[in-house]
N, C-alpha and C. Protein backbone atom coordinates (compact mmCIF):
# COMPACT_ATOMS: atom_id res chain seq x y z
N MET A 1 44.85 -63.44 -41.59
CA MET A 1 46.17 -63.48 -40.99
C MET A 1 46.98 -64.63 -41.58
N ASN A 2 48.26 -64.40 -41.74
CA ASN A 2 49.11 -65.48 -42.21
C ASN A 2 49.88 -66.09 -41.04
N ASN A 3 50.60 -67.15 -41.31
CA ASN A 3 51.31 -67.86 -40.24
C ASN A 3 52.35 -67.00 -39.55
N MET A 4 53.05 -66.14 -40.31
CA MET A 4 54.07 -65.28 -39.70
C MET A 4 53.43 -64.30 -38.73
N THR A 5 52.28 -63.76 -39.07
CA THR A 5 51.58 -62.85 -38.17
C THR A 5 51.14 -63.59 -36.92
N ASP A 6 50.60 -64.78 -37.10
CA ASP A 6 50.17 -65.59 -35.96
C ASP A 6 51.35 -65.89 -35.03
N GLU A 7 52.47 -66.29 -35.61
CA GLU A 7 53.66 -66.60 -34.81
C GLU A 7 54.15 -65.37 -34.06
N LYS A 8 54.16 -64.23 -34.73
CA LYS A 8 54.62 -62.99 -34.10
C LYS A 8 53.70 -62.62 -32.94
N GLU A 9 52.40 -62.73 -33.13
CA GLU A 9 51.45 -62.42 -32.06
C GLU A 9 51.63 -63.35 -30.87
N ILE A 10 51.86 -64.62 -31.14
CA ILE A 10 52.08 -65.58 -30.06
C ILE A 10 53.36 -65.24 -29.32
N ALA A 11 54.43 -64.90 -30.05
CA ALA A 11 55.69 -64.54 -29.40
C ALA A 11 55.51 -63.32 -28.50
N ILE A 12 54.74 -62.35 -28.96
CA ILE A 12 54.49 -61.14 -28.17
C ILE A 12 53.68 -61.49 -26.92
N LYS A 13 52.65 -62.31 -27.07
CA LYS A 13 51.82 -62.70 -25.92
C LYS A 13 52.63 -63.47 -24.89
N ILE A 14 53.45 -64.41 -25.34
CA ILE A 14 54.28 -65.18 -24.41
C ILE A 14 55.28 -64.26 -23.72
N GLY A 15 55.89 -63.35 -24.49
CA GLY A 15 56.83 -62.41 -23.89
C GLY A 15 56.20 -61.55 -22.81
N HIS A 16 55.00 -61.06 -23.09
CA HIS A 16 54.30 -60.25 -22.09
C HIS A 16 53.94 -61.07 -20.86
N ARG A 17 53.57 -62.32 -21.08
CA ARG A 17 53.23 -63.20 -19.95
C ARG A 17 54.46 -63.44 -19.08
N ILE A 18 55.59 -63.69 -19.70
CA ILE A 18 56.84 -63.90 -18.96
C ILE A 18 57.18 -62.65 -18.15
N LYS A 19 57.05 -61.50 -18.77
CA LYS A 19 57.34 -60.24 -18.08
C LYS A 19 56.42 -60.05 -16.88
N ASP A 20 55.13 -60.32 -17.07
CA ASP A 20 54.17 -60.20 -15.97
C ASP A 20 54.52 -61.14 -14.81
N LEU A 21 54.82 -62.39 -15.14
CA LEU A 21 55.17 -63.36 -14.10
C LEU A 21 56.48 -62.98 -13.40
N ARG A 22 57.43 -62.47 -14.17
CA ARG A 22 58.71 -62.05 -13.58
C ARG A 22 58.49 -60.91 -12.60
N LYS A 23 57.67 -59.94 -12.99
CA LYS A 23 57.39 -58.81 -12.10
C LYS A 23 56.63 -59.26 -10.85
N GLN A 24 55.69 -60.21 -11.02
CA GLN A 24 54.97 -60.74 -9.86
C GLN A 24 55.92 -61.41 -8.88
N ALA A 25 56.98 -62.00 -9.41
CA ALA A 25 57.98 -62.67 -8.57
C ALA A 25 59.04 -61.69 -8.05
N ASN A 26 58.87 -60.41 -8.36
CA ASN A 26 59.82 -59.37 -7.95
C ASN A 26 61.25 -59.68 -8.39
N LEU A 27 61.38 -60.12 -9.64
CA LEU A 27 62.69 -60.42 -10.21
C LEU A 27 63.01 -59.41 -11.31
N SER A 28 64.26 -59.03 -11.41
CA SER A 28 64.70 -58.22 -12.54
C SER A 28 64.99 -59.14 -13.71
N GLN A 29 65.15 -58.57 -14.88
CA GLN A 29 65.53 -59.38 -16.03
C GLN A 29 66.87 -60.05 -15.79
N VAL A 30 67.79 -59.33 -15.18
CA VAL A 30 69.12 -59.89 -14.90
C VAL A 30 69.01 -61.09 -13.97
N GLU A 31 68.18 -60.97 -12.93
CA GLU A 31 68.03 -62.07 -11.97
C GLU A 31 67.40 -63.30 -12.63
N LEU A 32 66.36 -63.10 -13.42
CA LEU A 32 65.73 -64.24 -14.07
C LEU A 32 66.66 -64.85 -15.11
N ALA A 33 67.35 -64.03 -15.87
CA ALA A 33 68.29 -64.54 -16.86
C ALA A 33 69.37 -65.38 -16.17
N PHE A 34 69.86 -64.92 -15.03
CA PHE A 34 70.87 -65.68 -14.28
C PHE A 34 70.31 -67.04 -13.88
N ARG A 35 69.07 -67.06 -13.38
CA ARG A 35 68.44 -68.32 -12.98
C ARG A 35 68.30 -69.28 -14.17
N CYS A 36 68.12 -68.70 -15.37
CA CYS A 36 67.92 -69.50 -16.58
C CYS A 36 69.23 -69.82 -17.29
N ASN A 37 70.31 -69.23 -16.83
CA ASN A 37 71.64 -69.44 -17.42
C ASN A 37 71.72 -68.92 -18.86
N PHE A 38 71.16 -67.72 -19.08
CA PHE A 38 71.40 -67.04 -20.34
C PHE A 38 71.49 -65.53 -20.13
N GLU A 39 71.88 -64.82 -21.17
CA GLU A 39 72.11 -63.38 -21.08
C GLU A 39 70.80 -62.61 -20.89
N ALA A 40 70.88 -61.53 -20.13
CA ALA A 40 69.71 -60.67 -19.92
C ALA A 40 69.20 -60.11 -21.25
N SER A 41 70.10 -59.86 -22.20
CA SER A 41 69.67 -59.35 -23.50
C SER A 41 68.77 -60.35 -24.22
N ASN A 42 69.03 -61.64 -24.02
CA ASN A 42 68.16 -62.66 -24.62
C ASN A 42 66.77 -62.61 -23.99
N LEU A 43 66.72 -62.48 -22.67
CA LEU A 43 65.43 -62.39 -21.99
C LEU A 43 64.69 -61.14 -22.42
N ASN A 44 65.41 -60.05 -22.61
CA ASN A 44 64.79 -58.81 -23.06
C ASN A 44 64.12 -59.00 -24.42
N ARG A 45 64.79 -59.67 -25.35
CA ARG A 45 64.22 -59.93 -26.67
C ARG A 45 62.99 -60.83 -26.58
N ILE A 46 63.04 -61.82 -25.69
CA ILE A 46 61.90 -62.72 -25.51
C ILE A 46 60.71 -61.95 -24.96
N GLU A 47 60.93 -61.16 -23.91
CA GLU A 47 59.84 -60.40 -23.31
C GLU A 47 59.24 -59.39 -24.28
N ALA A 48 60.05 -58.87 -25.18
CA ALA A 48 59.56 -57.90 -26.16
C ALA A 48 58.91 -58.56 -27.37
N GLY A 49 58.98 -59.89 -27.44
CA GLY A 49 58.39 -60.60 -28.56
C GLY A 49 59.19 -60.49 -29.84
N ARG A 50 60.48 -60.16 -29.72
CA ARG A 50 61.33 -60.01 -30.90
C ARG A 50 62.04 -61.30 -31.30
N THR A 51 61.78 -62.37 -30.55
CA THR A 51 62.37 -63.66 -30.88
C THR A 51 61.37 -64.75 -30.54
N TYR A 52 61.54 -65.90 -31.15
CA TYR A 52 60.65 -67.03 -30.92
C TYR A 52 61.37 -68.03 -30.02
N PRO A 53 61.07 -68.04 -28.73
CA PRO A 53 61.79 -68.94 -27.81
C PRO A 53 61.46 -70.41 -28.08
N SER A 54 62.46 -71.24 -27.94
CA SER A 54 62.27 -72.68 -28.11
C SER A 54 61.56 -73.25 -26.88
N ILE A 55 61.10 -74.47 -27.02
CA ILE A 55 60.47 -75.17 -25.88
C ILE A 55 61.49 -75.29 -24.75
N LYS A 56 62.73 -75.59 -25.09
CA LYS A 56 63.79 -75.71 -24.08
C LYS A 56 63.97 -74.39 -23.32
N THR A 57 63.97 -73.29 -24.04
CA THR A 57 64.11 -71.97 -23.41
C THR A 57 62.92 -71.67 -22.52
N LEU A 58 61.72 -71.97 -23.00
CA LEU A 58 60.52 -71.74 -22.19
C LEU A 58 60.54 -72.60 -20.93
N CYS A 59 61.05 -73.82 -21.02
CA CYS A 59 61.18 -74.68 -19.83
C CYS A 59 62.14 -74.05 -18.82
N LYS A 60 63.26 -73.51 -19.30
CA LYS A 60 64.21 -72.85 -18.41
C LYS A 60 63.55 -71.64 -17.71
N ILE A 61 62.79 -70.90 -18.48
CA ILE A 61 62.12 -69.72 -17.91
C ILE A 61 61.07 -70.14 -16.88
N SER A 62 60.27 -71.14 -17.20
CA SER A 62 59.26 -71.57 -16.23
C SER A 62 59.93 -72.08 -14.95
N ASN A 63 61.03 -72.81 -15.10
CA ASN A 63 61.78 -73.26 -13.91
C ASN A 63 62.35 -72.07 -13.14
N GLY A 64 62.91 -71.10 -13.86
CA GLY A 64 63.48 -69.92 -13.21
C GLY A 64 62.43 -69.11 -12.46
N LEU A 65 61.22 -69.10 -12.99
CA LEU A 65 60.12 -68.38 -12.34
C LEU A 65 59.45 -69.21 -11.25
N GLY A 66 59.71 -70.52 -11.27
CA GLY A 66 59.07 -71.41 -10.30
C GLY A 66 57.60 -71.63 -10.59
N VAL A 67 57.25 -71.61 -11.88
CA VAL A 67 55.86 -71.84 -12.28
C VAL A 67 55.82 -73.03 -13.24
N PRO A 68 54.67 -73.69 -13.35
CA PRO A 68 54.58 -74.78 -14.33
C PRO A 68 54.64 -74.22 -15.75
N PHE A 69 55.12 -75.03 -16.67
CA PHE A 69 55.25 -74.62 -18.07
C PHE A 69 53.96 -74.03 -18.62
N HIS A 70 52.85 -74.66 -18.33
CA HIS A 70 51.58 -74.19 -18.89
C HIS A 70 51.20 -72.79 -18.43
N ALA A 71 51.80 -72.30 -17.36
CA ALA A 71 51.52 -70.94 -16.90
C ALA A 71 51.97 -69.91 -17.93
N LEU A 72 52.91 -70.29 -18.80
CA LEU A 72 53.40 -69.39 -19.82
C LEU A 72 52.51 -69.36 -21.06
N THR A 73 51.72 -70.43 -21.25
CA THR A 73 51.03 -70.58 -22.53
C THR A 73 49.54 -70.81 -22.46
N ASP A 74 48.99 -71.19 -21.33
CA ASP A 74 47.57 -71.57 -21.25
C ASP A 74 46.60 -70.48 -21.66
N TYR A 75 46.94 -69.25 -21.47
CA TYR A 75 46.01 -68.16 -21.74
C TYR A 75 45.95 -67.80 -23.22
N ILE A 76 46.84 -68.34 -24.05
CA ILE A 76 46.87 -68.02 -25.48
C ILE A 76 45.75 -68.76 -26.19
N LYS A 77 44.92 -68.04 -26.87
CA LYS A 77 43.82 -68.63 -27.63
C LYS A 77 44.00 -68.34 -29.10
């Protein structure tokens, strides 16, 4: 595997984790995006793994979900 593949896989895993946590919190993409102060289309791209979210964006998402930052990333090996 090369670095681009590794990065893409990580983006997909983080996106799926965010989606799972959002659903557990009974939030729509629109509701979570509002809490994070960005467009729902941006959240959609993140959840689908089509973009590489910054640390700042991940912090906003963890705050919007009410979970610690590590809840988004700890399961990635």
